[in-house]
C-alpha atoms as a PDB file:
ATOM      1  CA  MET A   1      13.166   6.644   4.493  1.00  0.00           C
ATOM      2  CA  PRO A   2      13.334   3.000   3.374  1.00  0.00           C
ATOM      3  CA  THR A   3      11.292   2.143   0.301  1.00  0.00           C
ATOM      4  CA  HIS A   4       9.327  -1.010  -0.489  1.00  0.00           C
ATOM      5  CA  HIS A   5      12.181  -1.934  -2.811  1.00  0.00           C
ATOM      6  CA  ASP A   6      14.756  -1.594  -0.012  1.00  0.00           C
ATOM      7  CA  ASN A   7      12.654  -3.640   2.398  1.00  0.00           C
ATOM      8  CA  ASP A   8      12.060  -6.318  -0.234  1.00  0.00           C
ATOM      9  CA  TYR A   9      15.812  -6.555  -0.798  1.00  0.00           C
ATOM     10  CA  LYS A  10      16.425  -7.019   2.904  1.00  0.00           C
ATOM     11  CA  LEU A  11      13.808  -9.739   2.956  1.00  0.00           C
ATOM     12  CA  LEU A  12      15.388 -11.441  -0.070  1.00  0.00           C
ATOM     13  CA  PHE A  13      18.780 -11.623   1.608  1.00  0.00           C
ATOM     14  CA  SER A  14      17.263 -12.978   4.791  1.00  0.00           C
ATOM     15  CA  HIS A  15      16.975 -16.271   2.855  1.00  0.00           C
ATOM     16  CA  PRO A  16      20.041 -18.530   3.109  1.00  0.00           C
ATOM     17  CA  GLU A  17      19.771 -19.495  -0.579  1.00  0.00           C
ATOM     18  CA  MET A  18      20.384 -15.877  -1.617  1.00  0.00           C
ATOM     19  CA  VAL A  19      23.386 -15.483   0.695  1.00  0.00           C
ATOM     20  CA  ARG A  20      24.814 -18.792  -0.548  1.00  0.00           C
ATOM     21  CA  ASP A  21      24.551 -17.635  -4.162  1.00  0.00           C
ATOM     22  CA  LEU A  22      26.017 -14.238  -3.280  1.00  0.00           C
ATOM     23  CA  LEU A  23      29.073 -15.909  -1.739  1.00  0.00           C
ATOM     24  CA  LEU A  24      29.458 -18.431  -4.544  1.00  0.00           C
ATOM     25  CA  GLY A  25      29.062 -15.911  -7.343  1.00  0.00           C
ATOM     26  CA  PHE A  26      30.631 -12.688  -6.112  1.00  0.00           C
ATOM     27  CA  VAL A  27      33.224 -13.362  -3.401  1.00  0.00           C
ATOM     28  CA  PRO A  28      36.789 -14.222  -4.474  1.00  0.00           C
ATOM     29  CA  GLY A  29      38.834 -17.076  -3.079  1.00  0.00           C
ATOM     30  CA  ASP A  30      38.621 -20.835  -3.200  1.00  0.00           C
ATOM     31  CA  TRP A  31      37.478 -21.118   0.406  1.00  0.00           C
ATOM     32  CA  VAL A  32      33.833 -21.129  -0.721  1.00  0.00           C
ATOM     33  CA  GLN A  33      34.469 -24.425  -2.512  1.00  0.00           C
ATOM     34  CA  ASP A  34      35.005 -26.033   0.904  1.00  0.00           C
ATOM     35  CA  ALA A  35      32.044 -24.294   2.496  1.00  0.00           C
ATOM     36  CA  ARG A  36      29.220 -26.452   3.857  1.00  0.00           C
ATOM     37  CA  PHE A  37      26.284 -24.308   2.820  1.00  0.00           C
ATOM     38  CA  GLU A  38      23.787 -26.604   4.504  1.00  0.00           C
ATOM     39  CA  THR A  39      25.134 -25.160   7.787  1.00  0.00           C
ATOM     40  CA  LEU A  40      24.499 -21.548   6.722  1.00  0.00           C
ATOM     41  CA  GLU A  41      22.442 -19.835   9.405  1.00  0.00           C
ATOM     42  CA  ARG A  42      21.535 -16.283  10.296  1.00  0.00           C
ATOM     43  CA  VAL A  43      22.420 -15.086  13.777  1.00  0.00           C
ATOM     44  CA  ASN A  44      21.336 -12.093  15.808  1.00  0.00           C
ATOM     45  CA  ALA A  45      22.987  -8.909  14.477  1.00  0.00           C
ATOM     46  CA  SER A  46      21.253  -6.357  16.714  1.00  0.00           C
ATOM     47  CA  TYR A  47      24.030  -4.881  18.799  1.00  0.00           C
ATOM     48  CA  VAL A  48      23.805  -1.725  20.865  1.00  0.00           C
ATOM     49  CA  SER A  49      25.570   1.124  19.046  1.00  0.00           C
ATOM     50  CA  GLU A  50      26.963   4.353  20.453  1.00  0.00           C
ATOM     51  CA  SER A  51      23.514   5.968  20.130  1.00  0.00           C
ATOM     52  CA  ASP A  52      21.986   3.065  22.144  1.00  0.00           C
ATOM     53  CA  LYS A  53      19.815   2.098  19.200  1.00  0.00           C
ATOM     54  CA  GLN A  54      19.483  -1.476  17.999  1.00  0.00           C
ATOM     55  CA  ARG A  55      20.709  -2.247  14.480  1.00  0.00           C
ATOM     56  CA  HIS A  56      18.331  -4.411  12.449  1.00  0.00           C
ATOM     57  CA  ASP A  57      19.311  -3.514   8.878  1.00  0.00           C
ATOM     58  CA  ASP A  58      22.519  -5.520   8.719  1.00  0.00           C
ATOM     59  CA  MET A  59      22.801  -9.276   8.656  1.00  0.00           C
ATOM     60  CA  VAL A  60      25.246 -11.662  10.254  1.00  0.00           C
ATOM     61  CA  TRP A  61      25.499 -15.216   8.975  1.00  0.00           C
ATOM     62  CA  ARG A  62      27.778 -18.084   9.829  1.00  0.00           C
ATOM     63  CA  LEU A  63      28.665 -21.302   8.056  1.00  0.00           C
ATOM     64  CA  GLN A  64      31.183 -24.086   8.379  1.00  0.00           C
ATOM     65  CA  VAL A  65      34.209 -24.209   6.096  1.00  0.00           C
ATOM     66  CA  GLY A  66      35.826 -27.536   6.778  1.00  0.00           C
ATOM     67  CA  PRO A  67      35.838 -27.957  10.562  1.00  0.00           C
ATOM     68  CA  ARG A  68      35.755 -24.205  11.279  1.00  0.00           C
ATOM     69  CA  TRP A  69      33.000 -21.618  11.506  1.00  0.00           C
ATOM     70  CA  VAL A  70      33.271 -18.489   9.350  1.00  0.00           C
ATOM     71  CA  TRP A  71      31.174 -15.417  10.122  1.00  0.00           C
ATOM     72  CA  VAL A  72      29.837 -13.141   7.369  1.00  0.00           C
ATOM     73  CA  TYR A  73      28.767  -9.565   8.143  1.00  0.00           C
ATOM     74  CA  LEU A  74      26.526  -8.442   5.267  1.00  0.00           C
ATOM     75  CA  LEU A  75      25.572  -4.768   5.068  1.00  0.00           C
ATOM     76  CA  LEU A  76      22.993  -3.732   2.434  1.00  0.00           C
ATOM     77  CA  GLU A  77      23.646  -0.129   1.371  1.00  0.00           C
ATOM     78  CA  PHE A  78      20.760   1.600  -0.423  1.00  0.00           C
ATOM     79  CA  GLN A  79      22.011   5.204  -0.419  1.00  0.00           C
ATOM     80  CA  SER A  80      22.168   6.861  -3.839  1.00  0.00           C
ATOM     81  CA  GLN A  81      25.834   7.723  -3.368  1.00  0.00           C
ATOM     82  CA  PRO A  82      28.731   6.130  -1.465  1.00  0.00           C
ATOM     83  CA  ASP A  83      29.252   6.739   2.233  1.00  0.00           C
ATOM     84  CA  GLU A  84      32.809   8.063   2.511  1.00  0.00           C
ATOM     85  CA  TRP A  85      33.073   6.717   6.067  1.00  0.00           C
ATOM     86  CA  MET A  86      31.785   3.230   5.344  1.00  0.00           C
ATOM     87  CA  ALA A  87      35.108   1.678   6.378  1.00  0.00           C
ATOM     88  CA  VAL A  88      34.847   3.386   9.783  1.00  0.00           C
ATOM     89  CA  ARG A  89      31.251   2.201  10.176  1.00  0.00           C
ATOM     90  CA  MET A  90      32.285  -1.331   9.283  1.00  0.00           C
ATOM     91  CA  MET A  91      35.143  -1.209  11.795  1.00  0.00           C
ATOM     92  CA  VAL A  92      32.630  -0.293  14.510  1.00  0.00           C
ATOM     93  CA  TYR A  93      30.182  -3.032  13.492  1.00  0.00           C
ATOM     94  CA  VAL A  94      32.886  -5.677  13.344  1.00  0.00           C
ATOM     95  CA  GLY A  95      34.119  -4.532  16.764  1.00  0.00           C
ATOM     96  CA  LEU A  96      30.640  -4.893  18.216  1.00  0.00           C
ATOM     97  CA  LEU A  97      30.299  -8.338  16.682  1.00  0.00           C
ATOM     98  CA  ALA A  98      33.715  -9.333  18.047  1.00  0.00           C
ATOM     99  CA  GLN A  99      32.680  -8.245  21.548  1.00  0.00           C
ATOM    100  CA  HIS A 100      29.491 -10.261  21.203  1.00  0.00           C
ATOM    101  CA  LEU A 101      31.398 -13.369  20.086  1.00  0.00           C
ATOM    102  CA  ILE A 102      33.772 -13.045  23.042  1.00  0.00           C
ATOM    103  CA  LYS A 103      30.870 -12.636  25.449  1.00  0.00           C
ATOM    104  CA  GLU A 104      29.092 -15.687  24.007  1.00  0.00           C
ATOM    105  CA  GLY A 105      32.257 -17.789  23.948  1.00  0.00           C
ATOM    106  CA  GLN A 106      32.117 -18.232  20.150  1.00  0.00           C
ATOM    107  CA  LEU A 107      35.880 -18.595  19.793  1.00  0.00           C
ATOM    108  CA  ASP A 108      38.205 -20.597  17.533  1.00  0.00           C
ATOM    109  CA  GLN A 109      41.015 -22.143  19.593  1.00  0.00           C
ATOM    110  CA  GLY A 110      40.871 -19.255  22.029  1.00  0.00           C
ATOM    111  CA  ARG A 111      40.733 -16.582  19.301  1.00  0.00           C
ATOM    112  CA  LEU A 112      37.991 -14.871  17.329  1.00  0.00           C
ATOM    113  CA  PRO A 113      36.767 -16.883  14.336  1.00  0.00           C
ATOM    114  CA  PRO A 114      37.417 -15.842  10.710  1.00  0.00           C
ATOM    115  CA  LEU A 115      35.105 -13.039   9.619  1.00  0.00           C
ATOM    116  CA  LEU A 116      34.178 -11.604   6.206  1.00  0.00           C
ATOM    117  CA  PRO A 117      32.781  -8.014   6.193  1.00  0.00           C
ATOM    118  CA  MET A 118      30.726  -7.374   3.027  1.00  0.00           C
ATOM    119  CA  VAL A 119      28.881  -4.362   1.592  1.00  0.00           C
ATOM    120  CA  LEU A 120      26.271  -4.796  -1.145  1.00  0.00           C
ATOM    121  CA  TYR A 121      25.852  -1.320  -2.666  1.00  0.00           C
ATOM    122  CA  LYS A 122      22.878  -0.409  -4.856  1.00  0.00           C
ATOM    123  CA  GLY A 123      23.522   3.277  -5.522  1.00  0.00           C
ATOM    124  CA  HIS A 124      23.694   4.892  -8.971  1.00  0.00           C
ATOM    125  CA  ARG A 125      27.087   6.566  -8.515  1.00  0.00           C
ATOM    126  CA  PRO A 126      30.251   4.430  -8.660  1.00  0.00           C
ATOM    127  CA  TRP A 127      31.680   3.530  -5.270  1.00  0.00           C
ATOM    128  CA  SER A 128      34.652   5.765  -4.516  1.00  0.00           C
ATOM    129  CA  SER A 129      35.037   5.384  -0.763  1.00  0.00           C
ATOM    130  CA  ALA A 130      37.909   3.671   0.989  1.00  0.00           C
ATOM    131  CA  LEU A 131      37.726  -0.113   1.226  1.00  0.00           C
ATOM    132  CA  ASP A 132      40.317  -0.230   4.020  1.00  0.00           C
ATOM    133  CA  VAL A 133      39.772   1.835   7.142  1.00  0.00           C
ATOM    134  CA  SER A 134      43.496   2.720   7.174  1.00  0.00           C
ATOM    135  CA  ASP A 135      42.834   4.993   4.178  1.00  0.00           C
ATOM    136  CA  CYS A 136      40.402   7.030   6.294  1.00  0.00           C
ATOM    137  CA  PHE A 137      43.281   8.160   8.534  1.00  0.00           C
ATOM    138  CA  ALA A 138      45.835  10.767   7.534  1.00  0.00           C
ATOM    139  CA  PRO A 139      49.434   9.546   7.407  1.00  0.00           C
ATOM    140  CA  GLY A 140      51.033   9.947  10.795  1.00  0.00           C
ATOM    141  CA  LEU A 141      54.581  10.062  12.041  1.00  0.00           C
ATOM    142  CA  PRO A 142      56.673   7.177  10.715  1.00  0.00           C
ATOM    143  CA  ALA A 143      56.995   5.702  14.187  1.00  0.00           C
ATOM    144  CA  LEU A 144      53.181   5.703  14.558  1.00  0.00           C
ATOM    145  CA  GLU A 145      52.401   4.176  11.172  1.00  0.00           C
ATOM    146  CA  PRO A 146      52.244   0.594  12.520  1.00  0.00           C
ATOM    147  CA  TYR A 147      49.400   1.668  14.808  1.00  0.00           C
ATOM    148  CA  ARG A 148      47.112   2.936  12.061  1.00  0.00           C
ATOM    149  CA  PRO A 149      43.895   0.865  12.224  1.00  0.00           C
ATOM    150  CA  ARG A 150      43.355  -1.624   9.405  1.00  0.00           C
ATOM    151  CA  LEU A 151      40.193  -3.397   8.335  1.00  0.00           C
ATOM    152  CA  LEU A 152      39.270  -4.342   4.775  1.00  0.00           C
ATOM    153  CA  TYR A 153      35.727  -5.061   3.641  1.00  0.00           C
ATOM    154  CA  HIS A 154      34.563  -6.716   0.418  1.00  0.00           C
ATOM    155  CA  LEU A 155      32.450  -4.451  -1.813  1.00  0.00           C
ATOM    156  CA  ILE A 156      29.832  -5.658  -4.298  1.00  0.00           C
ATOM    157  CA  ASP A 157      28.876  -2.613  -6.389  1.00  0.00           C
ATOM    158  CA  GLU A 158      25.791  -4.066  -8.039  1.00  0.00           C
ATOM    159  CA  ALA A 159      25.290  -1.485 -10.794  1.00  0.00           C
ATOM    160  CA  ARG A 160      28.845  -2.007 -12.052  1.00  0.00           C
ATOM    161  CA  LEU A 161      29.214  -5.772 -11.749  1.00  0.00           C
ATOM    162  CA  LYS A 162      30.588  -7.437 -14.866  1.00  0.00           C
ATOM    163  CA  LEU A 163      27.776  -9.924 -15.286  1.00  0.00           C
ATOM    164  CA  SER A 164      27.990 -12.621 -17.898  1.00  0.00           C
ATOM    165  CA  PRO A 165      26.415 -11.536 -21.224  1.00  0.00           C
ATOM    166  CA  SER A 166      25.260 -15.116 -21.728  1.00  0.00           C
ATOM    167  CA  ASP A 167      21.573 -16.004 -21.521  1.00  0.00           C
ATOM    168  CA  GLU A 168      22.533 -18.546 -18.869  1.00  0.00           C
ATOM    169  CA  VAL A 169      22.677 -17.531 -15.206  1.00  0.00           C
ATOM    170  CA  ARG A 170      24.931 -19.141 -12.626  1.00  0.00           C
ATOM    171  CA  ASN A 171      22.499 -18.824  -9.726  1.00  0.00           C
ATOM    172  CA  VAL A 172      19.490 -16.931  -8.378  1.00  0.00           C
ATOM    173  CA  THR A 173      21.482 -13.950  -7.085  1.00  0.00           C
ATOM    174  CA  GLU A 174      23.026 -13.357 -10.509  1.00  0.00           C
ATOM    175  CA  ALA A 175      19.538 -13.530 -12.049  1.00  0.00           C
ATOM    176  CA  LEU A 176      18.408 -10.957  -9.471  1.00  0.00           C
ATOM    177  CA  PHE A 177      21.222  -8.567 -10.407  1.00  0.00           C
ATOM    178  CA  LYS A 178      20.540  -9.038 -14.118  1.00  0.00           C
ATOM    179  CA  LEU A 179      16.843  -8.341 -13.570  1.00  0.00           C
ATOM    180  CA  GLU A 180      17.704  -5.044 -11.863  1.00  0.00           C
ATOM    181  CA  HIS A 181      19.327  -3.911 -15.120  1.00  0.00           C
ATOM    182  CA  SER A 182      17.223  -5.731 -17.689  1.00  0.00           C
ATOM    183  CA  ALA A 183      16.505  -3.672 -20.782  1.00  0.00           C
ATOM    184  CA  ASN A 184      13.375  -5.347 -22.170  1.00  0.00           C
ATOM    185  CA  ARG A 185      10.354  -7.484 -21.395  1.00  0.00           C
ATOM    186  CA  SER A 186      11.868 -10.637 -22.905  1.00  0.00           C
ATOM    187  CA  ASP A 187      14.837 -10.463 -20.534  1.00  0.00           C
ATOM    188  CA  ILE A 188      12.567  -9.985 -17.529  1.00  0.00           C
ATOM    189  CA  ALA A 189      10.469 -13.022 -18.462  1.00  0.00           C
ATOM    190  CA  ARG A 190      13.527 -15.173 -19.253  1.00  0.00           C
ATOM    191  CA  LEU A 191      15.340 -14.319 -16.023  1.00  0.00           C
ATOM    192  CA  ALA A 192      12.207 -14.820 -13.930  1.00  0.00           C
ATOM    193  CA  TYR A 193      11.871 -18.279 -15.475  1.00  0.00           C
ATOM    194  CA  ALA A 194      15.545 -19.045 -14.730  1.00  0.00           C
ATOM    195  CA  MET A 195      14.888 -18.206 -11.088  1.00  0.00           C
ATOM    196  CA  GLY A 196      11.857 -20.469 -11.065  1.00  0.00           C
ATOM    197  CA  GLN A 197      13.824 -23.355 -12.552  1.00  0.00           C
ATOM    198  CA  ALA A 198      16.467 -23.041  -9.823  1.00  0.00           C
ATOM    199  CA  LEU A 199      13.851 -22.941  -7.045  1.00  0.00           C
ATOM    200  CA  GLN A 200      11.566 -25.870  -7.844  1.00  0.00           C
ATOM    201  CA  ALA A 201      12.254 -27.875  -4.690  1.00  0.00           C
ATOM    202  CA  PRO A 202       9.607 -27.624  -1.918  1.00  0.00           C
ATOM    203  CA  GLU A 203      12.103 -26.128   0.532  1.00  0.00           C
ATOM    204  CA  HIS A 204      12.471 -23.079  -1.757  1.00  0.00           C
ATOM    205  CA  GLN A 205       8.786 -22.093  -1.729  1.00  0.00           C
ATOM    206  CA  LYS A 206       9.249 -19.366   0.879  1.00  0.00           C
ATOM    207  CA  LEU A 207      11.979 -17.683  -1.169  1.00  0.00           C
ATOM    208  CA  ARG A 208       9.902 -18.170  -4.304  1.00  0.00           C
ATOM    209  CA  ARG A 209       7.009 -16.223  -2.745  1.00  0.00           C
ATOM    210  CA  THR A 210       9.397 -13.441  -1.679  1.00  0.00           C
ATOM    211  CA  LEU A 211      10.808 -13.222  -5.207  1.00  0.00           C
ATOM    212  CA  ASN A 212       7.296 -12.953  -6.657  1.00  0.00           C
ATOM    213  CA  VAL A 213       6.558  -9.952  -4.428  1.00  0.00           C
ATOM    214  CA  TRP A 214       9.874  -8.339  -5.347  1.00  0.00           C
ATOM    215  CA  LEU A 215       9.431  -9.021  -9.076  1.00  0.00           C
ATOM    216  CA  ARG A 216       5.942  -7.480  -9.183  1.00  0.00           C
ATOM    217  CA  ARG A 217       7.303  -4.308  -7.617  1.00  0.00           C
ATOM    218  CA  LEU A 218      10.309  -4.342  -9.929  1.00  0.00           C
ATOM    219  CA  ILE A 219       8.031  -4.481 -12.978  1.00  0.00           C
ATOM    220  CA  ARG A 220       5.904  -1.629 -11.621  1.00  0.00           C
ATOM    221  CA  ARG A 221       9.060   0.390 -11.008  1.00  0.00           C
ATOM    222  CA  LYS A 222      10.460  -0.242 -14.481  1.00  0.00           C
ATOM    223  CA  MET A 223       7.106   0.116 -16.280  1.00  0.00           C
ATOM    224  CA  PRO A 224       5.094   2.542 -14.108  1.00  0.00           C
ATOM    225  CA  ASP A 225       2.473   3.239 -16.790  1.00  0.00           C
ATOM    226  CA  ILE A 226       1.267  -0.313 -17.313  1.00  0.00           C
ATOM    227  CA  ALA A 227      -2.008  -1.564 -15.858  1.00  0.00           C
ATOM    228  CA  THR A 228      -1.123  -4.095 -13.162  1.00  0.00           C
ATOM    229  CA  ASP A 229      -4.485  -5.840 -12.638  1.00  0.00           C
ATOM    230  CA  GLU A 230      -3.736  -8.448 -15.294  1.00  0.00           C
ATOM    231  CA  LEU A 231      -0.204  -8.879 -13.992  1.00  0.00           C
ATOM    232  CA  ASP A 232      -1.627  -9.688 -10.560  1.00  0.00           C
ATOM    233  CA  GLN A 233      -3.698 -12.457 -12.114  1.00  0.00           C
ATOM    234  CA  ILE A 234      -0.501 -14.404 -12.885  1.00  0.00           C
ATOM    235  CA  HIS A 235      -0.142 -16.318  -9.638  1.00  0.00           C
ATOM    236  CA  ASP A 236       3.512 -17.286 -10.063  1.00  0.00           C
ATOM    237  CA  LEU A 237       5.671 -15.020 -12.230  1.00  0.00           C
ATOM    238  CA  LEU A 238       8.530 -17.528 -12.045  1.00  0.00           C
ATOM    239  CA  LYS A 239       6.560 -20.430 -13.504  1.00  0.00           C
ATOM    240  CA  GLY A 240       7.118 -19.868 -17.211  1.00  0.00           C
ATOM    241  CA  PRO A 241       8.356 -17.118 -19.545  1.00  0.00           C
ATOM    242  CA  THR A 242       5.667 -17.187 -22.259  1.00  0.00           C
ATOM    243  CA  MET A 243       2.664 -15.872 -20.326  1.00  0.00           C
ATOM    244  CA  LEU A 244       4.676 -13.223 -18.480  1.00  0.00           C
ATOM    245  CA  GLU A 245       6.428 -12.000 -21.628  1.00  0.00           C
ATOM    246  CA  GLU A 246       3.204 -11.821 -23.641  1.00  0.00           C
ATOM    247  CA  THR A 247       1.399 -10.002 -20.825  1.00  0.00           C
ATOM    248  CA  LEU A 248       4.203  -7.469 -20.345  1.00  0.00           C
ATOM    249  CA  GLU A 249       4.460  -6.891 -24.100  1.00  0.00           C
ATOM    250  CA  ARG A 250       0.738  -6.234 -24.428  1.00  0.00           C
ATOM    251  CA  LEU A 251       0.494  -4.021 -21.334  1.00  0.00           C
ATOM    252  CA  TYR A 252       3.568  -2.074 -22.413  1.00  0.00           C
ATOM    253  CA  ASN A 253       2.197  -1.486 -25.902  1.00  0.00           C
ATOM    254  CA  GLU A 254      -1.129  -0.352 -24.451  1.00  0.00           C
ATOM    255  CA  ALA A 255       0.687   2.116 -22.197  1.00  0.00           C
ATOM    256  CA  ILE A 256       2.736   3.378 -25.154  1.00  0.00           C
ATOM    257  CA  GLU A 257      -0.410   3.870 -27.235  1.00  0.00           C
ATOM    258  CA  LYS A 258      -2.052   5.721 -24.360  1.00  0.00           C
ATOM    259  CA  GLY A 259       0.943   8.001 -23.949  1.00  0.00           C
ATOM    260  CA  LEU A 260       1.290   8.609 -27.671  1.00  0.00           C
ATOM    261  CA  SER A 261      -2.434   9.239 -27.986  1.00  0.00           C
ATOM    262  CA  LYS A 262      -2.164  11.957 -25.376  1.00  0.00           C
ATOM    263  CA  GLY A 263       0.864  13.429 -27.132  1.00  0.00           C
ATOM    264  CA  HIS A 264      -0.910  13.064 -30.494  1.00  0.00           C
ATOM    265  CA  SER A 265      -3.910  14.975 -29.171  1.00  0.00           C
ATOM    266  CA  GLN A 266      -1.697  17.715 -27.785  1.00  0.00           C
ATOM    267  CA  GLY A 267       0.235  17.833 -31.046  1.00  0.00           C
ATOM    268  CA  LEU A 268      -2.972  18.111 -33.094  1.00  0.00           C
ATOM    269  CA  SER A 269      -4.119  21.036 -30.977  1.00  0.00           C
ATOM    270  CA  LEU A 270      -0.722  22.653 -31.344  1.00  0.00           C
ATOM    271  CA  GLY A 271      -0.706  21.909 -35.083  1.00  0.00           C
ATOM    272  CA  LEU A 272      -4.107  23.520 -35.620  1.00  0.00           C
ATOM    273  CA  SER A 273      -2.919  26.595 -33.774  1.00  0.00           C
ATOM    274  CA  GLN A 274       0.266  26.753 -35.809  1.00  0.00           C
ATOM    275  CA  GLY A 275      -1.706  26.057 -38.988  1.00  0.00           C
ATOM    276  CA  LEU A 276      -3.632  29.308 -38.687  1.00  0.00           C
ATOM    277  CA  SER A 277      -0.438  31.246 -39.271  1.00  0.00           C
ATOM    278  CA  GLN A 278       1.814  28.768 -41.129  1.00  0.00           C
ATOM    279  CA  GLY A 279      -0.585  26.939 -43.391  1.00  0.00           C
ATOM    280  CA  LEU A 280      -2.871  24.208 -42.075  1.00  0.00           C
ATOM    281  CA  THR A 281      -1.138  21.116 -43.518  1.00  0.00           C
ATOM    282  CA  GLN A 282       2.374  22.136 -42.558  1.00  0.00           C
ATOM    283  CA  GLY A 283       1.292  23.226 -39.078  1.00  0.00           C
ATOM    284  CA  ILE A 284      -0.562  19.974 -38.337  1.00  0.00           C
ATOM    285  CA  THR A 285       2.384  17.883 -39.552  1.00  0.00           C
ATOM    286  CA  GLN A 286       4.810  19.783 -37.365  1.00  0.00           C
ATOM    287  CA  GLY A 287       2.425  19.672 -34.423  1.00  0.00           C
ATOM    288  CA  LEU A 288       1.889  15.916 -34.676  1.00  0.00           C
ATOM    289  CA  THR A 289       5.644  15.312 -34.810  1.00  0.00           C
ATOM    290  CA  GLN A 290       6.150  17.461 -31.752  1.00  0.00           C
ATOM    291  CA  GLY A 291       3.205  15.805 -30.014  1.00  0.00           C
ATOM    292  CA  ARG A 292       4.632  12.318 -30.589  1.00  0.00           C
ATOM    293  CA  SER A 293       7.948  13.485 -29.179  1.00  0.00           C
ATOM    294  CA  GLN A 294       6.206  14.939 -26.135  1.00  0.00           C
ATOM    295  CA  GLY A 295       4.283  11.709 -25.582  1.00  0.00           C
ATOM    296  CA  ILE A 296       7.457   9.600 -25.545  1.00  0.00           C
ATOM    297  CA  ALA A 297       9.255  12.198 -23.395  1.00  0.00           C
ATOM    298  CA  MET A 298       6.429  12.125 -20.840  1.00  0.00           C
ATOM    299  CA  MET A 299       6.613   8.349 -20.487  1.00  0.00           C
ATOM    300  CA  LEU A 300      10.409   8.316 -20.372  1.00  0.00           C
ATOM    301  CA  ALA A 301      10.417  11.025 -17.689  1.00  0.00           C
ATOM    302  CA  ARG A 302       8.155   8.909 -15.476  1.00  0.00           C
ATOM    303  CA  VAL A 303      10.433   5.887 -15.722  1.00  0.00           C
ATOM    304  CA  ILE A 304      13.519   8.045 -15.062  1.00  0.00           C
ATOM    305  CA  GLU A 305      11.833   9.455 -11.954  1.00  0.00           C
ATOM    306  CA  GLN A 306      11.296   5.914 -10.681  1.00  0.00           C
ATOM    307  CA  ARG A 307      14.898   4.809 -11.265  1.00  0.00           C
ATOM    308  CA  PHE A 308      17.054   7.916 -10.786  1.00  0.00           C
ATOM    309  CA  ALA A 309      15.101  10.107  -8.349  1.00  0.00           C
ATOM    310  CA  PRO A 310      15.700  12.906  -7.609  1.00  0.00           C
ATOM    311  CA  VAL A 311      15.886  14.023 -11.242  1.00  0.00           C
ATOM    312  CA  PRO A 312      17.744  17.341 -11.863  1.00  0.00           C
ATOM    313  CA  ALA A 313      16.260  20.112 -13.983  1.00  0.00           C
ATOM    314  CA  TRP A 314      18.821  19.654 -16.792  1.00  0.00           C
ATOM    315  CA  ALA A 315      17.508  16.122 -17.400  1.00  0.00           C
ATOM    316  CA  TYR A 316      13.934  17.328 -17.949  1.00  0.00           C
ATOM    317  CA  GLN A 317      15.216  20.011 -20.333  1.00  0.00           C
ATOM    318  CA  ARG A 318      17.212  17.398 -22.228  1.00  0.00           C
ATOM    319  CA  LEU A 319      14.114  15.209 -22.611  1.00  0.00           C
ATOM    320  CA  GLN A 320      11.957  18.069 -23.845  1.00  0.00           C
ATOM    321  CA  SER A 321      14.467  19.126 -26.501  1.00  0.00           C
ATOM    322  CA  ALA A 322      15.360  15.641 -27.779  1.00  0.00           C
ATOM    323  CA  SER A 323      14.255  14.199 -31.096  1.00  0.00           C
ATOM    324  CA  VAL A 324      11.980  11.180 -31.355  1.00  0.00           C
ATOM    325  CA  GLU A 325      14.941   9.074 -32.506  1.00  0.00           C
ATOM    326  CA  ARG A 326      17.045  10.111 -29.490  1.00  0.00           C
ATOM    327  CA  LEU A 327      14.150   9.464 -27.087  1.00  0.00           C
ATOM    328  CA  GLU A 328      13.633   5.988 -28.509  1.00  0.00           C
ATOM    329  CA  ALA A 329      17.363   5.257 -28.173  1.00  0.00           C
ATOM    330  CA  TRP A 330      17.268   6.344 -24.516  1.00  0.00           C
ATOM    331  CA  SER A 331      14.268   4.095 -23.932  1.00  0.00           C
ATOM    332  CA  GLU A 332      16.266   1.086 -25.118  1.00  0.00           C
ATOM    333  CA  GLN A 333      19.219   2.007 -22.866  1.00  0.00           C
ATOM    334  CA  MET A 334      17.125   2.882 -19.821  1.00  0.00           C
ATOM    335  CA  PHE A 335      17.898  -0.156 -17.685  1.00  0.00           C
ATOM    336  CA  SER A 336      21.445  -0.836 -18.833  1.00  0.00           C
ATOM    337  CA  ALA A 337      22.828   2.672 -18.155  1.00  0.00           C
ATOM    338  CA  PRO A 338      24.543   2.808 -14.732  1.00  0.00           C
ATOM    339  CA  THR A 339      23.771   6.500 -14.108  1.00  0.00           C
ATOM    340  CA  LEU A 340      21.424   9.209 -15.336  1.00  0.00           C
ATOM    341  CA  GLU A 341      24.431  11.145 -16.685  1.00  0.00           C
ATOM    342  CA  ALA A 342      25.510   8.134 -18.719  1.00  0.00           C
ATOM    343  CA  LEU A 343      21.990   7.634 -20.087  1.00  0.00           C
ATOM    344  CA  LEU A 344      21.369  11.214 -21.188  1.00  0.00           C
ATOM    345  CA  ASP A 345      25.015  11.984 -21.967  1.00  0.00           C
ATOM    346  CA  GLU A 346      25.092  15.088 -19.791  1.00  0.00           C
ATOM    347  CA  ALA A 347      28.651  15.994 -20.766  1.00  0.00           C
ATOM    348  CA  GLY A 348      27.852  15.793 -24.461  1.00  0.00           C
ATOM    349  CA  ALA A 349      24.728  17.855 -23.944  1.00  0.00           C
ATOM    350  CA  ARG A 350      26.708  20.700 -22.440  1.00  0.00           C
ATOM    351  CA  HIS A 351      29.328  20.995 -25.147  1.00  0.00           C
END
């Protein structure tokens, strides 16, 4: 089932500014330098598939590059792991689009216009599926090899993009990708402000409102324990970094204190119980240490559930057995780690 986050992403990339920045920042080739982005327009991408259902999740755009029109088929892939038959799916979608262009007479000197198939993948696992549909077919007889279908699509694997480590951002789409993997409140506030600076013109207000909705949900997803009433009182999260950063810092600290207080209380109860048999002072000290660890583990588990669901049993066991120092280190790496295995070092835990 699609989530709010998935639907927000689809809405974000229904804005031409986001598609422009995606092409400029993450598609190779110098052709984009000649593109006339003021001509960028979304066209109907709902074609009847084999199951006679209309497709509404994918997007088709077109823009002029010099005197010619170029068509861009953008597929947003939200599955947690790669689709091994994506190249076959893309071949079908491009075929349907080609038939539509022929029917509508959208030809370039009697032929189909140039077309760029793109997949924006947001899963946690690295993309390992074929990028060319020819690799989905087993090698045939040498005489039949020329007839093997070929179609290459351009993949943008968001979680593994090599984004610039600089505080500067090239455009709004890069800021979006950096926000998805931001590690702290300061980065969130700074990147939100960078977006706001790039979208000050009146014609960007619609996208600005969409980004505000997406950013509020992103913050709730990254920091599920914070109280959001005060966050909702900030009308425009893109307006300036100071208020947003200070609010997030305070709400985060309050949530930490609440979680630690609960763990502290549990640890005190455990310490008193242990103290009856081990000596009161030693038991309370050990109980409080364990309670603090449990408090941090509880909060970290909730954030992990939001980002890496479903969470396997080994991950919960790893959290429960970790030291306070290890839990704090994981907290700092939470949003920069590409996978749950990388964050919790599953391989190292099993050796």
